[in-house]
Amino acid sequence: MSLLEQLKEQMKVAMRAKEKQRLSTIRMALAAVKQREIDEQITLDNDAVLAILVKMVKQRRDAAAQYEEANRQDLADVELQEITVIEEFLPKPLTSDEIDALIKDAIAQTGATSMQEMGKVMAILKPQVQGRADLGKISGLIKAAFAG
């Protein structure tokens, strides 16, 4: 079952269970997918839907952090609940050991020896970690690997 089909099926489940918050979040995700399909006049594949969901989680984490800084825990809690619902549709996160192994493999595959070749390493890693790890953290780990 594709990611889009899973979202649609879970929307129906949330409707039947009268879970308003969950239903709202799933509808928001489906709306983001539909908007991109209309804007680009294409049908999105699983990877594109996954990228949209990853972006939505990142936006909500940023918003929650800003709300917490402004002492608006009520609004931060709403964002955190949305993250929980969206993350149900993302693949299982990678462990730090798995990430380290992927970075070592990518560096070995590219033969990269310095920061100037970091783009090659990221090009190999990005499809492998999409939705399973934060690319910003991956980037920092690659820099540390080159520095150390």
N, C-alpha and C. Protein backbone atom coordinates (compact mmCIF):
# COMPACT_ATOMS: atom_id res chain seq x y z
N MET A 1 0.85 -1.18 0.00
CA MET A 1 0.00 0.00 0.00
C MET A 1 0.90 1.24 0.00
N SER A 2 0.62 2.16 -0.89
CA SER A 2 1.43 3.37 -0.97
C SER A 2 1.16 4.28 0.23
N LEU A 3 2.07 5.20 0.43
CA LEU A 3 1.95 6.14 1.54
C LEU A 3 0.69 6.98 1.42
N LEU A 4 0.37 7.39 0.22
CA LEU A 4 -0.84 8.18 -0.01
C LEU A 4 -2.09 7.37 0.33
N GLU A 5 -2.10 6.11 -0.06
CA GLU A 5 -3.24 5.24 0.26
C GLU A 5 -3.35 5.03 1.77
N GLN A 6 -2.21 4.91 2.44
CA GLN A 6 -2.22 4.76 3.90
C GLN A 6 -2.83 5.99 4.56
N LEU A 7 -2.44 7.17 4.06
CA LEU A 7 -3.00 8.42 4.61
C LEU A 7 -4.51 8.45 4.43
N LYS A 8 -4.97 8.11 3.24
CA LYS A 8 -6.41 8.14 2.97
C LYS A 8 -7.16 7.13 3.84
N GLU A 9 -6.59 5.95 4.00
CA GLU A 9 -7.23 4.91 4.81
C GLU A 9 -7.29 5.35 6.28
N GLN A 10 -6.20 5.94 6.78
CA GLN A 10 -6.18 6.38 8.17
C GLN A 10 -7.10 7.58 8.40
N MET A 11 -7.33 8.36 7.35
CA MET A 11 -8.29 9.46 7.46
C MET A 11 -9.69 8.88 7.72
N LYS A 12 -10.03 7.83 7.00
CA LYS A 12 -11.33 7.19 7.19
C LYS A 12 -11.45 6.61 8.60
N VAL A 13 -10.37 5.98 9.06
CA VAL A 13 -10.36 5.40 10.41
C VAL A 13 -10.56 6.49 11.46
N ALA A 14 -9.86 7.62 11.28
CA ALA A 14 -9.98 8.73 12.23
C ALA A 14 -11.39 9.32 12.20
N MET A 15 -12.00 9.36 11.03
CA MET A 15 -13.38 9.86 10.93
C MET A 15 -14.32 8.97 11.72
N ARG A 16 -14.21 7.65 11.50
CA ARG A 16 -15.09 6.70 12.18
C ARG A 16 -14.91 6.75 13.70
N ALA A 17 -13.66 6.96 14.14
CA ALA A 17 -13.35 6.99 15.57
C ALA A 17 -13.60 8.37 16.18
N LYS A 18 -13.97 9.33 15.33
CA LYS A 18 -14.23 10.71 15.76
C LYS A 18 -13.02 11.33 16.49
N GLU A 19 -11.82 11.06 15.96
CA GLU A 19 -10.58 11.63 16.50
C GLU A 19 -10.30 12.92 15.74
N LYS A 20 -10.80 14.03 16.26
CA LYS A 20 -10.74 15.30 15.54
C LYS A 20 -9.31 15.76 15.26
N GLN A 21 -8.46 15.72 16.27
CA GLN A 21 -7.08 16.20 16.10
C GLN A 21 -6.33 15.37 15.06
N ARG A 22 -6.44 14.06 15.16
CA ARG A 22 -5.78 13.15 14.22
C ARG A 22 -6.32 13.36 12.81
N LEU A 23 -7.63 13.46 12.69
CA LEU A 23 -8.26 13.68 11.39
C LEU A 23 -7.78 14.98 10.77
N SER A 24 -7.73 16.02 11.57
CA SER A 24 -7.28 17.32 11.09
C SER A 24 -5.85 17.26 10.55
N THR A 25 -4.97 16.58 11.28
CA THR A 25 -3.57 16.47 10.87
C THR A 25 -3.43 15.67 9.58
N ILE A 26 -4.15 14.56 9.48
CA ILE A 26 -4.08 13.73 8.27
C ILE A 26 -4.63 14.50 7.08
N ARG A 27 -5.72 15.23 7.29
CA ARG A 27 -6.27 16.03 6.19
C ARG A 27 -5.28 17.11 5.75
N MET A 28 -4.57 17.69 6.72
CA MET A 28 -3.57 18.71 6.39
C MET A 28 -2.46 18.10 5.52
N ALA A 29 -2.03 16.88 5.86
CA ALA A 29 -1.00 16.21 5.07
C ALA A 29 -1.51 15.90 3.67
N LEU A 30 -2.74 15.40 3.57
CA LEU A 30 -3.32 15.11 2.26
C LEU A 30 -3.48 16.38 1.43
N ALA A 31 -3.83 17.47 2.07
CA ALA A 31 -3.97 18.75 1.37
C ALA A 31 -2.62 19.22 0.82
N ALA A 32 -1.55 19.02 1.60
CA ALA A 32 -0.22 19.41 1.14
C ALA A 32 0.19 18.59 -0.08
N VAL A 33 -0.12 17.30 -0.05
CA VAL A 33 0.19 16.43 -1.19
C VAL A 33 -0.61 16.87 -2.41
N LYS A 34 -1.91 17.08 -2.22
CA LYS A 34 -2.78 17.47 -3.33
C LYS A 34 -2.34 18.82 -3.92
N GLN A 35 -1.97 19.75 -3.06
CA GLN A 35 -1.53 21.07 -3.52
C GLN A 35 -0.30 20.94 -4.42
N ARG A 36 0.65 20.12 -4.00
CA ARG A 36 1.87 19.93 -4.80
C ARG A 36 1.53 19.25 -6.12
N GLU A 37 0.61 18.27 -6.10
CA GLU A 37 0.22 17.60 -7.34
C GLU A 37 -0.43 18.58 -8.31
N ILE A 38 -1.26 19.46 -7.78
CA ILE A 38 -1.93 20.45 -8.63
C ILE A 38 -0.93 21.48 -9.15
N ASP A 39 -0.07 21.98 -8.26
CA ASP A 39 0.92 22.99 -8.66
C ASP A 39 1.84 22.49 -9.76
N GLU A 40 2.30 21.26 -9.63
CA GLU A 40 3.27 20.71 -10.58
C GLU A 40 2.62 19.84 -11.66
N GLN A 41 1.31 19.65 -11.57
CA GLN A 41 0.54 18.86 -12.53
C GLN A 41 1.15 17.47 -12.73
N ILE A 42 1.43 16.81 -11.60
CA ILE A 42 1.98 15.46 -11.63
C ILE A 42 1.29 14.62 -10.56
N THR A 43 1.52 13.33 -10.62
CA THR A 43 1.08 12.44 -9.55
C THR A 43 2.33 12.08 -8.76
N LEU A 44 2.29 12.32 -7.46
CA LEU A 44 3.47 12.11 -6.63
C LEU A 44 3.66 10.63 -6.30
N ASP A 45 4.93 10.22 -6.28
CA ASP A 45 5.26 8.86 -5.87
C ASP A 45 5.51 8.85 -4.36
N ASN A 46 5.81 7.68 -3.83
CA ASN A 46 6.03 7.53 -2.39
C ASN A 46 7.13 8.43 -1.87
N ASP A 47 8.23 8.55 -2.62
CA ASP A 47 9.36 9.36 -2.17
C ASP A 47 8.97 10.84 -2.04
N ALA A 48 8.18 11.33 -2.98
CA ALA A 48 7.75 12.73 -2.94
C ALA A 48 6.79 12.97 -1.78
N VAL A 49 5.88 12.02 -1.53
CA VAL A 49 4.96 12.14 -0.40
C VAL A 49 5.75 12.10 0.90
N LEU A 50 6.75 11.22 0.96
CA LEU A 50 7.60 11.12 2.14
C LEU A 50 8.33 12.44 2.39
N ALA A 51 8.83 13.06 1.33
CA ALA A 51 9.53 14.34 1.47
C ALA A 51 8.59 15.41 2.02
N ILE A 52 7.34 15.40 1.58
CA ILE A 52 6.36 16.38 2.09
C ILE A 52 6.13 16.15 3.58
N LEU A 53 5.98 14.90 3.99
CA LEU A 53 5.74 14.59 5.40
C LEU A 53 6.95 14.98 6.26
N VAL A 54 8.15 14.73 5.75
CA VAL A 54 9.37 15.11 6.49
C VAL A 54 9.41 16.62 6.67
N LYS A 55 9.07 17.34 5.61
CA LYS A 55 9.06 18.80 5.68
C LYS A 55 8.02 19.29 6.69
N MET A 56 6.86 18.64 6.71
CA MET A 56 5.81 19.03 7.66
C MET A 56 6.28 18.83 9.11
N VAL A 57 6.97 17.72 9.37
CA VAL A 57 7.47 17.46 10.72
C VAL A 57 8.49 18.53 11.11
N LYS A 58 9.38 18.86 10.18
CA LYS A 58 10.41 19.88 10.46
C LYS A 58 9.75 21.23 10.76
N GLN A 59 8.75 21.61 9.98
CA GLN A 59 8.06 22.88 10.20
C GLN A 59 7.39 22.90 11.58
N ARG A 60 6.79 21.79 11.95
CA ARG A 60 6.12 21.74 13.24
C ARG A 60 7.10 21.75 14.40
N ARG A 61 8.25 21.12 14.24
CA ARG A 61 9.28 21.18 15.29
C ARG A 61 9.75 22.62 15.49
N ASP A 62 9.98 23.31 14.38
CA ASP A 62 10.40 24.72 14.46
C ASP A 62 9.33 25.57 15.13
N ALA A 63 8.08 25.36 14.74
CA ALA A 63 6.98 26.13 15.32
C ALA A 63 6.83 25.84 16.81
N ALA A 64 6.95 24.58 17.19
CA ALA A 64 6.82 24.20 18.61
C ALA A 64 7.92 24.87 19.43
N ALA A 65 9.14 24.90 18.89
CA ALA A 65 10.25 25.54 19.60
C ALA A 65 9.98 27.03 19.78
N GLN A 66 9.46 27.67 18.75
CA GLN A 66 9.15 29.10 18.84
C GLN A 66 8.03 29.36 19.84
N TYR A 67 7.02 28.51 19.85
CA TYR A 67 5.93 28.68 20.81
C TYR A 67 6.43 28.49 22.24
N GLU A 68 7.32 27.53 22.45
CA GLU A 68 7.86 27.30 23.79
C GLU A 68 8.68 28.50 24.25
N GLU A 69 9.44 29.09 23.33
CA GLU A 69 10.23 30.30 23.67
C GLU A 69 9.30 31.44 24.08
N ALA A 70 8.14 31.50 23.45
CA ALA A 70 7.18 32.57 23.72
C ALA A 70 6.24 32.22 24.88
N ASN A 71 6.56 31.13 25.60
CA ASN A 71 5.73 30.68 26.72
C ASN A 71 4.29 30.39 26.32
N ARG A 72 4.11 29.78 25.16
CA ARG A 72 2.78 29.37 24.69
C ARG A 72 2.76 27.85 24.56
N GLN A 73 2.82 27.19 25.70
CA GLN A 73 2.89 25.72 25.72
C GLN A 73 1.65 25.09 25.10
N ASP A 74 0.51 25.79 25.21
CA ASP A 74 -0.72 25.25 24.62
C ASP A 74 -0.58 25.09 23.12
N LEU A 75 0.00 26.08 22.46
CA LEU A 75 0.19 26.00 21.01
C LEU A 75 1.31 25.02 20.66
N ALA A 76 2.34 24.96 21.47
CA ALA A 76 3.44 24.02 21.24
C ALA A 76 2.92 22.59 21.34
N ASP A 77 2.02 22.34 22.28
CA ASP A 77 1.45 21.00 22.45
C ASP A 77 0.68 20.55 21.21
N VAL A 78 -0.04 21.49 20.59
CA VAL A 78 -0.78 21.18 19.36
C VAL A 78 0.19 20.75 18.26
N GLU A 79 1.29 21.49 18.12
CA GLU A 79 2.30 21.16 17.10
C GLU A 79 2.91 19.79 17.38
N LEU A 80 3.20 19.52 18.64
CA LEU A 80 3.81 18.24 19.01
C LEU A 80 2.85 17.07 18.76
N GLN A 81 1.56 17.29 18.98
CA GLN A 81 0.58 16.25 18.68
C GLN A 81 0.53 15.97 17.18
N GLU A 82 0.63 17.03 16.38
CA GLU A 82 0.63 16.86 14.92
C GLU A 82 1.86 16.08 14.48
N ILE A 83 3.00 16.36 15.10
CA ILE A 83 4.23 15.63 14.77
C ILE A 83 4.04 14.15 15.04
N THR A 84 3.44 13.83 16.17
CA THR A 84 3.21 12.43 16.54
C THR A 84 2.37 11.71 15.47
N VAL A 85 1.34 12.37 14.99
CA VAL A 85 0.47 11.76 13.98
C VAL A 85 1.22 11.59 12.66
N ILE A 86 1.94 12.61 12.23
CA ILE A 86 2.65 12.55 10.94
C ILE A 86 3.75 11.48 10.99
N GLU A 87 4.44 11.38 12.13
CA GLU A 87 5.54 10.43 12.24
C GLU A 87 5.07 8.98 12.13
N GLU A 88 3.78 8.71 12.35
CA GLU A 88 3.26 7.36 12.18
C GLU A 88 3.42 6.87 10.75
N PHE A 89 3.49 7.79 9.81
CA PHE A 89 3.56 7.43 8.39
C PHE A 89 5.00 7.44 7.87
N LEU A 90 5.94 7.84 8.71
CA LEU A 90 7.35 7.87 8.31
C LEU A 90 8.00 6.53 8.62
N PRO A 91 9.05 6.18 7.88
CA PRO A 91 9.75 4.92 8.18
C PRO A 91 10.43 4.99 9.55
N LYS A 92 10.77 3.82 10.08
CA LYS A 92 11.42 3.73 11.38
C LYS A 92 12.74 4.52 11.35
N PRO A 93 13.00 5.37 12.35
CA PRO A 93 14.23 6.16 12.36
C PRO A 93 15.47 5.27 12.47
N LEU A 94 16.56 5.75 11.90
CA LEU A 94 17.83 5.03 11.97
C LEU A 94 18.48 5.24 13.33
N THR A 95 19.18 4.23 13.80
CA THR A 95 19.94 4.38 15.04
C THR A 95 21.25 5.09 14.73
N SER A 96 21.92 5.57 15.75
CA SER A 96 23.18 6.28 15.52
C SER A 96 24.23 5.34 14.94
N ASP A 97 24.21 4.07 15.32
CA ASP A 97 25.16 3.11 14.76
C ASP A 97 24.90 2.89 13.26
N GLU A 98 23.62 2.80 12.89
CA GLU A 98 23.26 2.64 11.48
C GLU A 98 23.69 3.86 10.67
N ILE A 99 23.50 5.04 11.24
CA ILE A 99 23.89 6.28 10.56
C ILE A 99 25.40 6.31 10.36
N ASP A 100 26.16 5.96 11.41
CA ASP A 100 27.62 5.94 11.31
C ASP A 100 28.08 4.98 10.22
N ALA A 101 27.46 3.81 10.17
CA ALA A 101 27.83 2.81 9.15
C ALA A 101 27.52 3.33 7.75
N LEU A 102 26.36 3.97 7.57
CA LEU A 102 26.01 4.52 6.26
C LEU A 102 27.00 5.62 5.83
N ILE A 103 27.40 6.46 6.78
CA ILE A 103 28.35 7.53 6.47
C ILE A 103 29.69 6.94 6.05
N LYS A 104 30.17 5.95 6.79
CA LYS A 104 31.46 5.32 6.44
C LYS A 104 31.39 4.67 5.06
N ASP A 105 30.27 3.99 4.77
CA ASP A 105 30.11 3.36 3.46
C ASP A 105 30.10 4.41 2.34
N ALA A 106 29.38 5.51 2.57
CA ALA A 106 29.28 6.55 1.54
C ALA A 106 30.63 7.20 1.29
N ILE A 107 31.38 7.43 2.35
CA ILE A 107 32.72 8.02 2.19
C ILE A 107 33.62 7.05 1.43
N ALA A 108 33.53 5.77 1.75
CA ALA A 108 34.32 4.76 1.06
C ALA A 108 33.92 4.66 -0.42
N GLN A 109 32.63 4.71 -0.71
CA GLN A 109 32.15 4.62 -2.10
C GLN A 109 32.65 5.78 -2.95
N THR A 110 32.63 6.98 -2.37
CA THR A 110 33.03 8.17 -3.14
C THR A 110 34.53 8.38 -3.13
N GLY A 111 35.21 7.80 -2.15
CA GLY A 111 36.65 8.04 -2.02
C GLY A 111 36.92 9.45 -1.53
N ALA A 112 35.93 10.07 -0.90
CA ALA A 112 36.07 11.45 -0.43
C ALA A 112 37.11 11.52 0.69
N THR A 113 37.90 12.57 0.64
CA THR A 113 38.94 12.75 1.65
C THR A 113 38.88 14.10 2.34
N SER A 114 38.03 15.01 1.84
CA SER A 114 37.98 16.34 2.43
C SER A 114 36.56 16.92 2.35
N MET A 115 36.39 18.05 3.01
CA MET A 115 35.09 18.73 3.04
C MET A 115 34.62 19.13 1.64
N GLN A 116 35.56 19.36 0.73
CA GLN A 116 35.17 19.78 -0.62
C GLN A 116 34.36 18.69 -1.33
N GLU A 117 34.49 17.46 -0.89
CA GLU A 117 33.79 16.35 -1.52
C GLU A 117 32.55 15.91 -0.73
N MET A 118 32.13 16.74 0.20
CA MET A 118 30.98 16.41 1.05
C MET A 118 29.70 16.27 0.22
N GLY A 119 29.56 17.03 -0.83
CA GLY A 119 28.38 16.95 -1.69
C GLY A 119 28.19 15.57 -2.29
N LYS A 120 29.31 14.93 -2.68
CA LYS A 120 29.23 13.58 -3.23
C LYS A 120 28.71 12.60 -2.18
N VAL A 121 29.20 12.75 -0.96
CA VAL A 121 28.80 11.86 0.13
C VAL A 121 27.31 12.06 0.43
N MET A 122 26.89 13.32 0.51
CA MET A 122 25.48 13.63 0.79
C MET A 122 24.57 13.10 -0.32
N ALA A 123 25.03 13.15 -1.57
CA ALA A 123 24.23 12.66 -2.69
C ALA A 123 23.94 11.17 -2.55
N ILE A 124 24.89 10.42 -2.02
CA ILE A 124 24.69 8.98 -1.81
C ILE A 124 23.79 8.75 -0.60
N LEU A 125 24.00 9.53 0.46
CA LEU A 125 23.27 9.32 1.72
C LEU A 125 21.81 9.77 1.67
N LYS A 126 21.54 10.85 0.98
CA LYS A 126 20.20 11.44 1.03
C LYS A 126 19.08 10.44 0.73
N PRO A 127 19.15 9.67 -0.36
CA PRO A 127 18.05 8.73 -0.61
C PRO A 127 17.95 7.63 0.44
N GLN A 128 19.08 7.30 1.07
CA GLN A 128 19.09 6.22 2.06
C GLN A 128 18.49 6.65 3.40
N VAL A 129 18.63 7.93 3.74
CA VAL A 129 18.19 8.39 5.06
C VAL A 129 16.94 9.26 5.01
N GLN A 130 16.42 9.54 3.84
CA GLN A 130 15.24 10.40 3.69
C GLN A 130 14.10 9.92 4.58
N GLY A 131 13.67 10.78 5.47
CA GLY A 131 12.56 10.45 6.35
C GLY A 131 12.94 9.60 7.54
N ARG A 132 14.19 9.16 7.60
CA ARG A 132 14.63 8.28 8.69
C ARG A 132 15.65 8.95 9.59
N ALA A 133 16.19 10.10 9.16
CA ALA A 133 17.16 10.82 9.97
C ALA A 133 17.18 12.28 9.50
N ASP A 134 17.57 13.17 10.40
CA ASP A 134 17.65 14.59 10.08
C ASP A 134 18.90 14.85 9.24
N LEU A 135 18.70 15.40 8.04
CA LEU A 135 19.84 15.63 7.15
C LEU A 135 20.83 16.64 7.73
N GLY A 136 20.35 17.57 8.53
CA GLY A 136 21.25 18.54 9.18
C GLY A 136 22.21 17.84 10.13
N LYS A 137 21.69 16.89 10.88
CA LYS A 137 22.55 16.12 11.80
C LYS A 137 23.52 15.24 11.02
N ILE A 138 23.05 14.66 9.93
CA ILE A 138 23.90 13.83 9.08
C ILE A 138 25.06 14.66 8.55
N SER A 139 24.75 15.87 8.12
CA SER A 139 25.77 16.77 7.60
C SER A 139 26.83 17.05 8.67
N GLY A 140 26.39 17.31 9.90
CA GLY A 140 27.33 17.55 10.99
C GLY A 140 28.21 16.34 11.27
N LEU A 141 27.63 15.15 11.19
CA LEU A 141 28.40 13.93 11.43
C LEU A 141 29.44 13.71 10.31
N ILE A 142 29.08 14.06 9.09
CA ILE A 142 30.03 13.93 7.98
C ILE A 142 31.19 14.91 8.18
N LYS A 143 30.87 16.14 8.59
CA LYS A 143 31.94 17.12 8.87
C LYS A 143 32.85 16.62 9.97
N ALA A 144 32.26 16.03 11.01
CA ALA A 144 33.08 15.49 12.10
C ALA A 144 33.96 14.34 11.61
N ALA A 145 33.44 13.53 10.70
CA ALA A 145 34.21 12.41 10.16
C ALA A 145 35.42 12.92 9.38
N PHE A 146 35.24 14.01 8.63
CA PHE A 146 36.35 14.57 7.87
C PHE A 146 37.34 15.28 8.79
N ALA A 147 36.85 15.89 9.85
CA ALA A 147 37.72 16.61 10.78
C ALA A 147 38.53 15.64 11.64
N GLY A 148 37.92 14.51 11.99
CA GLY A 148 38.59 13.58 12.90
C GLY A 148 39.24 12.50 12.15
